[in-house]
Structures are given as C-alpha cells and as structure tokens.
PDB file of N, CA and C in Angstrom:
ATOM      1  N   UNK A   1      36.656  -4.144 -37.394  1.00  0.00           N
ATOM      2  CA  UNK A   1      35.357  -3.794 -37.076  1.00  0.00           C
ATOM      3  C   UNK A   1      34.909  -4.072 -35.699  1.00  0.00           C
ATOM      4  N   UNK A   2      34.204  -3.225 -35.166  1.00  0.00           N
ATOM      5  CA  UNK A   2      33.644  -3.440 -33.605  1.00  0.00           C
ATOM      6  C   UNK A   2      32.255  -3.969 -33.916  1.00  0.00           C
ATOM      7  N   UNK A   3      32.098  -5.159 -32.875  1.00  0.00           N
ATOM      8  CA  UNK A   3      30.717  -5.787 -32.980  1.00  0.00           C
ATOM      9  C   UNK A   3      29.914  -4.899 -31.963  1.00  0.00           C
ATOM     10  N   UNK A   4      28.647  -4.551 -32.132  1.00  0.00           N
ATOM     11  CA  UNK A   4      27.734  -3.750 -31.184  1.00  0.00           C
ATOM     12  C   UNK A   4      26.749  -4.674 -30.781  1.00  0.00           C
ATOM     13  N   UNK A   5      26.230  -4.617 -29.648  1.00  0.00           N
ATOM     14  CA  UNK A   5      25.091  -5.440 -29.086  1.00  0.00           C
ATOM     15  C   UNK A   5      23.936  -4.630 -28.986  1.00  0.00           C
ATOM     16  N   UNK A   6      23.005  -4.746 -29.855  1.00  0.00           N
ATOM     17  CA  UNK A   6      21.639  -4.048 -29.648  1.00  0.00           C
ATOM     18  C   UNK A   6      20.608  -4.732 -28.936  1.00  0.00           C
ATOM     19  N   UNK A   7      20.052  -4.007 -28.162  1.00  0.00           N
ATOM     20  CA  UNK A   7      18.897  -4.595 -27.432  1.00  0.00           C
ATOM     21  C   UNK A   7      17.600  -4.469 -28.111  1.00  0.00           C
ATOM     22  N   UNK A   8      16.791  -5.557 -28.392  1.00  0.00           N
ATOM     23  CA  UNK A   8      15.546  -5.438 -28.967  1.00  0.00           C
ATOM     24  C   UNK A   8      14.544  -4.449 -28.190  1.00  0.00           C
ATOM     25  N   UNK A   9      13.682  -3.676 -29.083  1.00  0.00           N
ATOM     26  CA  UNK A   9      13.005  -2.812 -28.606  1.00  0.00           C
ATOM     27  C   UNK A   9      11.658  -3.755 -27.957  1.00  0.00           C
ATOM     28  N   UNK A  10      11.153  -3.220 -26.796  1.00  0.00           N
ATOM     29  CA  UNK A  10      10.178  -3.912 -26.094  1.00  0.00           C
ATOM     30  C   UNK A  10       8.965  -4.017 -27.022  1.00  0.00           C
ATOM     31  N   UNK A  11       8.184  -5.089 -26.966  1.00  0.00           N
ATOM     32  CA  UNK A  11       7.217  -5.545 -27.742  1.00  0.00           C
ATOM     33  C   UNK A  11       5.919  -5.216 -27.095  1.00  0.00           C
ATOM     34  N   UNK A  12       5.188  -4.338 -27.518  1.00  0.00           N
ATOM     35  CA  UNK A  12       3.794  -4.044 -26.850  1.00  0.00           C
ATOM     36  C   UNK A  12       3.821  -3.289 -25.829  1.00  0.00           C
ATOM     37  N   UNK A  13       2.762  -2.885 -25.006  1.00  0.00           N
ATOM     38  CA  UNK A  13       2.817  -2.066 -24.070  1.00  0.00           C
ATOM     39  C   UNK A  13       3.318  -2.957 -22.734  1.00  0.00           C
ATOM     40  N   UNK A  14       4.098  -2.102 -21.902  1.00  0.00           N
ATOM     41  CA  UNK A  14       4.628  -2.582 -20.658  1.00  0.00           C
ATOM     42  C   UNK A  14       3.577  -2.536 -19.600  1.00  0.00           C
ATOM     43  N   UNK A  15       3.362  -3.945 -18.916  1.00  0.00           N
ATOM     44  CA  UNK A  15       2.262  -4.061 -18.046  1.00  0.00           C
ATOM     45  C   UNK A  15       3.155  -3.663 -16.736  1.00  0.00           C
ATOM     46  N   UNK A  16       2.374  -2.769 -16.145  1.00  0.00           N
ATOM     47  CA  UNK A  16       2.897  -2.400 -14.717  1.00  0.00           C
ATOM     48  C   UNK A  16       1.958  -3.004 -13.789  1.00  0.00           C
ATOM     49  N   UNK A  17       2.562  -3.655 -12.623  1.00  0.00           N
ATOM     50  CA  UNK A  17       1.713  -4.400 -11.609  1.00  0.00           C
ATOM     51  C   UNK A  17       0.681  -3.671 -10.988  1.00  0.00           C
ATOM     52  N   UNK A  18      -0.496  -4.210 -10.954  1.00  0.00           N
ATOM     53  CA  UNK A  18      -1.617  -3.402 -10.423  1.00  0.00           C
ATOM     54  C   UNK A  18      -1.962  -3.877  -8.932  1.00  0.00           C
ATOM     55  N   UNK A  19      -2.464  -3.147  -8.260  1.00  0.00           N
ATOM     56  CA  UNK A  19      -2.752  -3.473  -6.892  1.00  0.00           C
ATOM     57  C   UNK A  19      -4.311  -3.671  -6.771  1.00  0.00           C
ATOM     58  N   UNK A  20      -4.772  -4.978  -6.604  1.00  0.00           N
ATOM     59  CA  UNK A  20      -6.159  -5.249  -6.635  1.00  0.00           C
ATOM     60  C   UNK A  20      -6.887  -4.610  -5.611  1.00  0.00           C
ATOM     61  N   UNK A  21      -6.251  -4.550  -4.293  1.00  0.00           N
ATOM     62  CA  UNK A  21      -6.785  -3.982  -3.153  1.00  0.00           C
ATOM     63  C   UNK A  21      -7.120  -2.331  -3.255  1.00  0.00           C
ATOM     64  N   UNK A  22      -6.078  -1.643  -3.950  1.00  0.00           N
ATOM     65  CA  UNK A  22      -6.376  -0.365  -4.077  1.00  0.00           C
ATOM     66  C   UNK A  22      -7.549  -0.013  -5.102  1.00  0.00           C
ATOM     67  N   UNK A  23      -7.583  -0.756  -6.173  1.00  0.00           N
ATOM     68  CA  UNK A  23      -8.626  -0.714  -7.197  1.00  0.00           C
ATOM     69  C   UNK A  23     -10.009  -0.866  -6.363  1.00  0.00           C
ATOM     70  N   UNK A  24     -10.150  -2.095  -5.570  1.00  0.00           N
ATOM     71  CA  UNK A  24     -11.271  -2.410  -4.987  1.00  0.00           C
ATOM     72  C   UNK A  24     -11.734  -1.288  -3.944  1.00  0.00           C
ATOM     73  N   UNK A  25     -10.751  -0.723  -3.267  1.00  0.00           N
ATOM     74  CA  UNK A  25     -11.068   0.539  -2.401  1.00  0.00           C
ATOM     75  C   UNK A  25     -11.568   1.647  -3.098  1.00  0.00           C
ATOM     76  N   UNK A  26     -10.889   1.857  -4.163  1.00  0.00           N
ATOM     77  CA  UNK A  26     -11.367   3.035  -4.973  1.00  0.00           C
ATOM     78  C   UNK A  26     -12.880   2.881  -5.635  1.00  0.00           C
ATOM     79  N   UNK A  27     -13.133   1.952  -5.937  1.00  0.00           N
ATOM     80  CA  UNK A  27     -14.411   1.574  -6.390  1.00  0.00           C
ATOM     81  C   UNK A  27     -15.540   1.509  -5.309  1.00  0.00           C
ATOM     82  N   UNK A  28     -15.083   0.979  -4.091  1.00  0.00           N
ATOM     83  CA  UNK A  28     -15.900   0.962  -2.825  1.00  0.00           C
ATOM     84  C   UNK A  28     -16.080   2.511  -2.631  1.00  0.00           C
ATOM     85  N   UNK A  29     -15.154   3.411  -2.686  1.00  0.00           N
ATOM     86  CA  UNK A  29     -15.358   4.656  -2.329  1.00  0.00           C
ATOM     87  C   UNK A  29     -16.286   5.460  -3.145  1.00  0.00           C
ATOM     88  N   UNK A  30     -16.183   5.175  -4.420  1.00  0.00           N
ATOM     89  CA  UNK A  30     -17.006   5.802  -5.274  1.00  0.00           C
ATOM     90  C   UNK A  30     -18.389   5.402  -5.352  1.00  0.00           C
ATOM     91  N   UNK A  31     -18.764   4.189  -5.017  1.00  0.00           N
ATOM     92  CA  UNK A  31     -20.010   3.683  -4.650  1.00  0.00           C
ATOM     93  C   UNK A  31     -20.454   4.105  -3.279  1.00  0.00           C
ATOM     94  N   UNK A  32     -19.628   4.274  -2.331  1.00  0.00           N
ATOM     95  CA  UNK A  32     -20.129   4.548  -1.069  1.00  0.00           C
ATOM     96  C   UNK A  32     -20.445   6.182  -1.030  1.00  0.00           C
ATOM     97  N   UNK A  33     -19.860   6.974  -2.017  1.00  0.00           N
ATOM     98  CA  UNK A  33     -20.281   8.326  -1.896  1.00  0.00           C
ATOM     99  C   UNK A  33     -21.693   8.492  -2.542  1.00  0.00           C
ATOM    100  N   UNK A  34     -22.114   7.605  -3.517  1.00  0.00           N
ATOM    101  CA  UNK A  34     -23.363   7.450  -4.123  1.00  0.00           C
ATOM    102  C   UNK A  34     -24.308   6.892  -3.332  1.00  0.00           C
ATOM    103  N   UNK A  35     -23.956   5.912  -2.551  1.00  0.00           N
ATOM    104  CA  UNK A  35     -25.055   5.100  -1.781  1.00  0.00           C
ATOM    105  C   UNK A  35     -25.100   6.159  -0.544  1.00  0.00           C
ATOM    106  N   UNK A  36     -24.397   6.920   0.133  1.00  0.00           N
ATOM    107  CA  UNK A  36     -24.680   7.601   1.190  1.00  0.00           C
ATOM    108  C   UNK A  36     -25.947   8.566   0.978  1.00  0.00           C
ATOM    109  N   UNK A  37     -26.251   8.941  -0.252  1.00  0.00           N
ATOM    110  CA  UNK A  37     -27.353   9.722  -0.621  1.00  0.00           C
ATOM    111  C   UNK A  37     -28.578   8.981  -0.703  1.00  0.00           C
ATOM    112  N   UNK A  38     -28.540   7.720  -1.213  1.00  0.00           N
ATOM    113  CA  UNK A  38     -29.532   6.787  -1.529  1.00  0.00           C
ATOM    114  C   UNK A  38     -29.780   6.027  -0.478  1.00  0.00           C
ATOM    115  N   UNK A  39     -29.011   5.090   0.203  1.00  0.00           N
ATOM    116  CA  UNK A  39     -29.292   4.209   1.238  1.00  0.00           C
ATOM    117  C   UNK A  39     -27.959   4.389   2.162  1.00  0.00           C
ATOM    118  N   UNK A  40     -28.203   5.233   3.293  1.00  0.00           N
ATOM    119  CA  UNK A  40     -27.009   5.626   4.036  1.00  0.00           C
ATOM    120  C   UNK A  40     -26.488   4.585   4.792  1.00  0.00           C
ATOM    121  N   UNK A  41     -27.156   3.391   5.053  1.00  0.00           N
ATOM    122  CA  UNK A  41     -26.547   2.380   5.764  1.00  0.00           C
ATOM    123  C   UNK A  41     -25.721   1.476   5.105  1.00  0.00           C
ATOM    124  N   UNK A  42     -25.989   1.362   3.527  1.00  0.00           N
ATOM    125  CA  UNK A  42     -25.252   0.570   2.724  1.00  0.00           C
ATOM    126  C   UNK A  42     -24.032   1.534   2.348  1.00  0.00           C
ATOM    127  N   UNK A  43     -24.010   2.877   2.496  1.00  0.00           N
ATOM    128  CA  UNK A  43     -22.791   3.795   2.253  1.00  0.00           C
ATOM    129  C   UNK A  43     -21.892   3.659   3.331  1.00  0.00           C
ATOM    130  N   UNK A  44     -22.423   3.421   4.433  1.00  0.00           N
ATOM    131  CA  UNK A  44     -21.479   3.200   5.592  1.00  0.00           C
ATOM    132  C   UNK A  44     -20.808   1.983   5.618  1.00  0.00           C
ATOM    133  N   UNK A  45     -21.516   0.799   5.261  1.00  0.00           N
ATOM    134  CA  UNK A  45     -20.806  -0.489   5.201  1.00  0.00           C
ATOM    135  C   UNK A  45     -19.678  -0.354   4.099  1.00  0.00           C
ATOM    136  N   UNK A  46     -19.957   0.167   2.858  1.00  0.00           N
ATOM    137  CA  UNK A  46     -19.088   0.115   1.746  1.00  0.00           C
ATOM    138  C   UNK A  46     -17.898   1.020   2.161  1.00  0.00           C
ATOM    139  N   UNK A  47     -18.146   2.191   2.813  1.00  0.00           N
ATOM    140  CA  UNK A  47     -17.050   3.012   3.200  1.00  0.00           C
ATOM    141  C   UNK A  47     -16.042   2.400   4.257  1.00  0.00           C
ATOM    142  N   UNK A  48     -16.609   1.690   5.169  1.00  0.00           N
ATOM    143  CA  UNK A  48     -15.803   1.115   6.116  1.00  0.00           C
ATOM    144  C   UNK A  48     -14.914  -0.063   5.592  1.00  0.00           C
ATOM    145  N   UNK A  49     -15.412  -0.768   4.631  1.00  0.00           N
ATOM    146  CA  UNK A  49     -14.752  -1.868   3.959  1.00  0.00           C
ATOM    147  C   UNK A  49     -13.832  -1.334   3.080  1.00  0.00           C
ATOM    148  N   UNK A  50     -14.126  -0.186   2.329  1.00  0.00           N
ATOM    149  CA  UNK A  50     -13.182   0.462   1.425  1.00  0.00           C
ATOM    150  C   UNK A  50     -12.111   1.141   2.262  1.00  0.00           C
ATOM    151  N   UNK A  51     -12.368   1.549   3.349  1.00  0.00           N
ATOM    152  CA  UNK A  51     -11.365   2.322   4.287  1.00  0.00           C
ATOM    153  C   UNK A  51     -10.316   1.341   4.678  1.00  0.00           C
ATOM    154  N   UNK A  52     -10.913   0.231   5.108  1.00  0.00           N
ATOM    155  CA  UNK A  52      -9.936  -1.003   5.471  1.00  0.00           C
ATOM    156  C   UNK A  52      -9.012  -1.248   4.098  1.00  0.00           C
ATOM    157  N   UNK A  53      -9.514  -1.612   3.214  1.00  0.00           N
ATOM    158  CA  UNK A  53      -8.859  -1.978   1.941  1.00  0.00           C
ATOM    159  C   UNK A  53      -7.821  -1.008   1.449  1.00  0.00           C
ATOM    160  N   UNK A  54      -8.173   0.189   1.716  1.00  0.00           N
ATOM    161  CA  UNK A  54      -7.149   1.303   1.215  1.00  0.00           C
ATOM    162  C   UNK A  54      -6.125   1.358   2.150  1.00  0.00           C
ATOM    163  N   UNK A  55      -6.504   1.277   3.481  1.00  0.00           N
ATOM    164  CA  UNK A  55      -5.359   1.251   4.462  1.00  0.00           C
ATOM    165  C   UNK A  55      -4.280   0.158   4.122  1.00  0.00           C
ATOM    166  N   UNK A  56      -4.653  -1.276   3.967  1.00  0.00           N
ATOM    167  CA  UNK A  56      -4.090  -2.325   3.519  1.00  0.00           C
ATOM    168  C   UNK A  56      -3.406  -2.027   2.427  1.00  0.00           C
ATOM    169  N   UNK A  57      -3.868  -1.607   1.287  1.00  0.00           N
ATOM    170  CA  UNK A  57      -3.308  -1.276  -0.022  1.00  0.00           C
ATOM    171  C   UNK A  57      -1.939  -0.321   0.149  1.00  0.00           C
ATOM    172  N   UNK A  58      -2.192   0.969   0.910  1.00  0.00           N
ATOM    173  CA  UNK A  58      -1.270   1.827   1.155  1.00  0.00           C
ATOM    174  C   UNK A  58       0.012   1.159   1.865  1.00  0.00           C
ATOM    175  N   UNK A  59      -0.484   0.250   2.932  1.00  0.00           N
ATOM    176  CA  UNK A  59       0.901  -0.299   3.412  1.00  0.00           C
ATOM    177  C   UNK A  59       1.598  -1.269   2.572  1.00  0.00           C
ATOM    178  N   UNK A  60       0.791  -2.086   1.792  1.00  0.00           N
ATOM    179  CA  UNK A  60       1.341  -3.049   0.938  1.00  0.00           C
ATOM    180  C   UNK A  60       2.352  -2.398  -0.233  1.00  0.00           C
ATOM    181  N   UNK A  61       1.686  -1.456  -0.899  1.00  0.00           N
ATOM    182  CA  UNK A  61       2.551  -0.774  -2.103  1.00  0.00           C
ATOM    183  C   UNK A  61       1.707   0.674  -2.206  1.00  0.00           C
ATOM    184  N   UNK A  62       2.214   1.614  -1.681  1.00  0.00           N
ATOM    185  CA  UNK A  62       1.602   2.932  -1.768  1.00  0.00           C
ATOM    186  C   UNK A  62       1.557   3.407  -3.126  1.00  0.00           C
ATOM    187  N   UNK A  63       0.135   3.644  -3.521  1.00  0.00           N
ATOM    188  CA  UNK A  63       0.030   4.362  -4.741  1.00  0.00           C
ATOM    189  C   UNK A  63      -1.074   5.388  -4.814  1.00  0.00           C
ATOM    190  N   UNK A  64      -1.201   6.193  -5.998  1.00  0.00           N
ATOM    191  CA  UNK A  64      -2.229   7.184  -6.114  1.00  0.00           C
ATOM    192  C   UNK A  64      -3.597   6.681  -5.891  1.00  0.00           C
ATOM    193  N   UNK A  65      -3.806   5.398  -6.346  1.00  0.00           N
ATOM    194  CA  UNK A  65      -5.123   4.890  -6.391  1.00  0.00           C
ATOM    195  C   UNK A  65      -5.416   4.276  -5.108  1.00  0.00           C
ATOM    196  N   UNK A  66      -4.551   3.930  -4.200  1.00  0.00           N
ATOM    197  CA  UNK A  66      -4.906   3.562  -2.786  1.00  0.00           C
ATOM    198  C   UNK A  66      -5.339   4.915  -2.030  1.00  0.00           C
ATOM    199  N   UNK A  67      -4.551   5.935  -2.293  1.00  0.00           N
ATOM    200  CA  UNK A  67      -4.799   7.260  -1.637  1.00  0.00           C
ATOM    201  C   UNK A  67      -5.979   7.917  -2.132  1.00  0.00           C
ATOM    202  N   UNK A  68      -6.450   7.627  -3.499  1.00  0.00           N
ATOM    203  CA  UNK A  68      -7.707   8.153  -3.821  1.00  0.00           C
ATOM    204  C   UNK A  68      -8.890   7.327  -3.069  1.00  0.00           C
ATOM    205  N   UNK A  69      -8.808   6.207  -2.934  1.00  0.00           N
ATOM    206  CA  UNK A  69      -9.672   5.223  -2.318  1.00  0.00           C
ATOM    207  C   UNK A  69      -9.857   5.620  -0.915  1.00  0.00           C
ATOM    208  N   UNK A  70      -8.782   5.984  -0.155  1.00  0.00           N
ATOM    209  CA  UNK A  70      -8.637   6.396   1.253  1.00  0.00           C
ATOM    210  C   UNK A  70      -9.611   7.694   1.365  1.00  0.00           C
ATOM    211  N   UNK A  71      -9.135   8.647   0.430  1.00  0.00           N
ATOM    212  CA  UNK A  71      -9.822   9.981   0.656  1.00  0.00           C
ATOM    213  C   UNK A  71     -11.466   9.753   0.374  1.00  0.00           C
ATOM    214  N   UNK A  72     -11.756   8.995  -0.743  1.00  0.00           N
ATOM    215  CA  UNK A  72     -13.244   8.962  -1.172  1.00  0.00           C
ATOM    216  C   UNK A  72     -13.867   8.138  -0.017  1.00  0.00           C
ATOM    217  N   UNK A  73     -13.334   7.207   0.693  1.00  0.00           N
ATOM    218  CA  UNK A  73     -14.107   6.600   1.891  1.00  0.00           C
ATOM    219  C   UNK A  73     -14.122   7.501   2.944  1.00  0.00           C
ATOM    220  N   UNK A  74     -13.091   8.312   3.392  1.00  0.00           N
ATOM    221  CA  UNK A  74     -13.252   9.192   4.352  1.00  0.00           C
ATOM    222  C   UNK A  74     -14.287  10.308   4.057  1.00  0.00           C
ATOM    223  N   UNK A  75     -14.478  10.809   2.856  1.00  0.00           N
ATOM    224  CA  UNK A  75     -15.283  11.794   2.438  1.00  0.00           C
ATOM    225  C   UNK A  75     -16.824  11.053   2.611  1.00  0.00           C
ATOM    226  N   UNK A  76     -16.948   9.932   2.131  1.00  0.00           N
ATOM    227  CA  UNK A  76     -18.162   9.323   2.363  1.00  0.00           C
ATOM    228  C   UNK A  76     -18.607   8.974   3.830  1.00  0.00           C
ATOM    229  N   UNK A  77     -17.771   8.701   4.553  1.00  0.00           N
ATOM    230  CA  UNK A  77     -18.013   8.555   6.142  1.00  0.00           C
ATOM    231  C   UNK A  77     -18.345   9.845   6.637  1.00  0.00           C
ATOM    232  N   UNK A  78     -17.579  10.768   6.249  1.00  0.00           N
ATOM    233  CA  UNK A  78     -18.182  12.321   6.789  1.00  0.00           C
ATOM    234  C   UNK A  78     -19.429  12.859   6.318  1.00  0.00           C
ATOM    235  N   UNK A  79     -19.618  12.640   5.119  1.00  0.00           N
ATOM    236  CA  UNK A  79     -21.064  12.895   4.638  1.00  0.00           C
ATOM    237  C   UNK A  79     -22.150  12.147   5.213  1.00  0.00           C
ATOM    238  N   UNK A  80     -21.956  10.912   5.490  1.00  0.00           N
ATOM    239  CA  UNK A  80     -22.825  10.137   6.141  1.00  0.00           C
ATOM    240  C   UNK A  80     -23.039  10.672   7.512  1.00  0.00           C
ATOM    241  N   UNK A  81     -21.954  10.976   8.293  1.00  0.00           N
ATOM    242  CA  UNK A  81     -22.139  11.495   9.767  1.00  0.00           C
ATOM    243  C   UNK A  81     -23.084  12.816   9.622  1.00  0.00           C
ATOM    244  N   UNK A  82     -22.822  13.657   8.814  1.00  0.00           N
ATOM    245  CA  UNK A  82     -23.658  14.948   8.663  1.00  0.00           C
ATOM    246  C   UNK A  82     -24.993  14.443   8.358  1.00  0.00           C
ATOM    247  N   UNK A  83     -25.394  13.638   7.457  1.00  0.00           N
ATOM    248  CA  UNK A  83     -26.697  13.299   7.067  1.00  0.00           C
ATOM    249  C   UNK A  83     -27.392  12.775   8.437  1.00  0.00           C
ATOM    250  N   UNK A  84     -26.690  11.713   9.057  1.00  0.00           N
ATOM    251  CA  UNK A  84     -27.280  11.114  10.347  1.00  0.00           C
ATOM    252  C   UNK A  84     -27.387  12.275  11.329  1.00  0.00           C
ATOM    253  N   UNK A  85     -26.677  13.047  11.460  1.00  0.00           N
ATOM    254  CA  UNK A  85     -26.913  14.274  12.454  1.00  0.00           C
ATOM    255  C   UNK A  85     -27.973  15.019  12.221  1.00  0.00           C
ATOM    256  N   UNK A  86     -28.060  15.402  10.722  1.00  0.00           N
ATOM    257  CA  UNK A  86     -29.153  16.327  10.319  1.00  0.00           C
ATOM    258  C   UNK A  86     -30.322  15.614  10.485  1.00  0.00           C
ATOM    259  N   UNK A  87     -30.449  14.407  10.047  1.00  0.00           N
ATOM    260  CA  UNK A  87     -31.718  13.743  10.350  1.00  0.00           C
ATOM    261  C   UNK A  87     -32.287  13.526  11.656  1.00  0.00           C
ATOM    262  N   UNK A  88     -31.283  13.324  12.339  1.00  0.00           N
ATOM    263  CA  UNK A  88     -31.661  13.018  14.098  1.00  0.00           C
ATOM    264  C   UNK A  88     -32.167  14.539  14.737  1.00  0.00           C
ATOM    265  N   UNK A  89     -31.360  15.576  14.210  1.00  0.00           N
ATOM    266  CA  UNK A  89     -32.034  16.915  14.682  1.00  0.00           C
ATOM    267  C   UNK A  89     -33.249  17.232  14.094  1.00  0.00           C
ATOM    268  N   UNK A  90     -33.455  16.853  12.812  1.00  0.00           N
ATOM    269  CA  UNK A  90     -34.865  17.148  12.323  1.00  0.00           C
ATOM    270  C   UNK A  90     -35.875  16.472  13.048  1.00  0.00           C
ATOM    271  N   UNK A  91     -35.684  15.092  13.211  1.00  0.00           N
ATOM    272  CA  UNK A  91     -36.733  14.344  13.977  1.00  0.00           C
ATOM    273  C   UNK A  91     -36.882  14.900  15.532  1.00  0.00           C
ATOM    274  N   UNK A  92     -35.735  15.177  16.055  1.00  0.00           N
ATOM    275  CA  UNK A  92     -35.839  15.766  17.462  1.00  0.00           C
ATOM    276  C   UNK A  92     -36.670  17.090  17.544  1.00  0.00           C
ATOM    277  N   UNK A  93     -36.476  17.869  16.449  1.00  0.00           N
ATOM    278  CA  UNK A  93     -37.134  19.109  16.589  1.00  0.00           C
ATOM    279  C   UNK A  93     -38.740  18.917  16.375  1.00  0.00           C
ATOM    280  N   UNK A  94     -39.240  17.912  15.716  1.00  0.00           N
ATOM    281  CA  UNK A  94     -40.476  17.615  15.328  1.00  0.00           C
ATOM    282  C   UNK A  94     -41.198  16.989  16.347  1.00  0.00           C
ATOM    283  N   UNK A  95     -40.392  16.447  17.201  1.00  0.00           N
ATOM    284  CA  UNK A  95     -41.047  15.197  18.053  1.00  0.00           C
ATOM    285  C   UNK A  95     -41.896  15.931  19.133  1.00  0.00           C
ATOM    286  N   UNK A  96     -41.681  17.041  19.652  1.00  0.00           N
ATOM    287  CA  UNK A  96     -42.552  17.791  20.624  1.00  0.00           C
ATOM    288  C   UNK A  96     -43.867  18.007  19.983  1.00  0.00           C
ATOM    289  N   UNK A  97     -43.877  18.195  18.760  1.00  0.00           N
ATOM    290  CA  UNK A  97     -45.334  18.652  18.242  1.00  0.00           C
ATOM    291  C   UNK A  97     -46.096  17.439  17.699  1.00  0.00           C
ATOM    292  N   UNK A  98     -45.483  16.162  17.818  1.00  0.00           N
ATOM    293  CA  UNK A  98     -46.308  15.093  17.455  1.00  0.00           C
ATOM    294  C   UNK A  98     -47.271  14.455  18.778  1.00  0.00           C
ATOM    295  N   UNK A  99     -48.444  14.285  18.370  1.00  0.00           N
ATOM    296  CA  UNK A  99     -49.223  13.749  19.459  1.00  0.00           C
ATOM    297  C   UNK A  99     -49.406  12.295  19.370  1.00  0.00           C
ATOM    298  N   UNK A 100     -49.170  11.631  20.335  1.00  0.00           N
ATOM    299  CA  UNK A 100     -49.345  10.054  20.207  1.00  0.00           C
ATOM    300  C   UNK A 100     -50.492   9.473  20.638  1.00  0.00           C
TER     301      UNK A 100
END
C-alpha cells in the first residue's frame, strides 16, 4: 500500500498584502475630486499629496489601486485648473464695469 501525503486545506481567507500608500492615494484622490468643487485650495493640496503617494506606491508595488489613485488625483488637478481659469476669466470680464 502506498502512503500519500495530503496537504491540509487553507484555513480561512488568504490575506494578500495591501499597500497602504495606494489606499491613501486613492482616498485622497476621491476626497480631492469632491473638495475641488467645495474648497478648491484644499482640493489642490489633497490632489498633490495624493499624486506623490500614488507615484511612490506604483514604484513600490504596481497595483490597480495605485493606478486608480493616480488617475483620480490627475483628474482632480485638471478640474481645479479649469475652475481657476474659469473664475479668473469671469472676474477679468467683470472688472472693467466695476467702479472703484
């Protein structure tokens, strides 16, 4: 009779290593997109910090979460640039009609 070696089944869910910087970058990206419409200067700060974190996370261990954080932070910065340019143009177009 042959003796067979059986491997025990894994107990519980297998934990995959998570990248904390990627999670932080994605959370900052989501918050930055929201804050760009509420307080644009807070949104810019969050987006820049999130952008740095997502680049560092992608270099450390590329993942979908790091990429999502990168994209969200770039979108937040782009939206903020459009908002600042639009507000500047709006103020500049009204300035000739304001009497000081």
